């Protein structure tokens, strides 16, 4: 049971962070289908940072902040492609997001292989090992392994709620996703607000990527990507109705079903079912299809999401 709670909270942290990123982007009016690719790039930056910290024996609590900062900045930098293409050049947001998802694992694999070959010509793998640095992220409390990213996800949910509903910036951001023409008419720069929304989504998506790869292992092979977690985060965002608190609760639900694939062997009644482990791996994605099938009819997305803004149109 302890392991189930532990993994649920870790996977929920990933989903909450990435879904909140998508929430900011869509509230600004830009659909960010590139969250999967942003996660991969953030994971790349965080993994290389952890590897470097391990090599220099620079392992202390400050390392956590450095890893978070690097992963977030790399994710933010990668999201610039989405922002420029969709906001400045009014490209199709779905196609750009898909392209980012396809490109990220390839870029990460090439970068990691090049680094590994430089250090050891016989090492052509796309794996980054960051074992000792990862230990800094984990604190054992009795039988429970507390991951500092769990606290970060909780803080992100609360801060996101305050920013969106209690600050001038958040209200302006949501106005740009609901009616950009009206927002522009009162002096709000729609292009800048949408750019800010995309950058925030890149920041949170990048952090979510490094949380994912450190969830239970001390190395990561970037050829495997992040197993569709970016798309699962989109399902969490939609199920949470683009509201931070609801997104946090939805992340717990989906995180629970994802955690079952890691711990189902510890429950006799699940073992007695004699289902293949792959069934439990598929569970969160099956649940997302079922949940969205019954709830999508009542979903209320920002009205102007996915529609390029033309300042000359009214």
Foldseek 3Di string as FASTA:
>chain_A
DLLLVQQLLLQLLLLLLLLLLQLLLLLLFAGQLQLLLLLLQLQLQLLVLLLVCVVVVVADLVSVVVSLVRLLVRLLVLLVQLLCCCAVVVDQRVVSSVVSNVVRLVVLLVVQQVVVCVVPVVDRFSKRFRAVNLVSQWDDDPPHTDGVSSVVSVVVLVVSQCQLPPDPLNVLSNCNLAPVQVSVVVPDDSSVSSSVSSSSSSSSSSSSSNSQVSSPDRMDGSNVRRLCSSVLSNLLSQLLLSHSVSSSVSSSVLSSLCSCLVCVVVDPVSVVVVDDSVVSNCRSVVVSVVSCVVCVVVRDGRPNHSPHDDNPDD
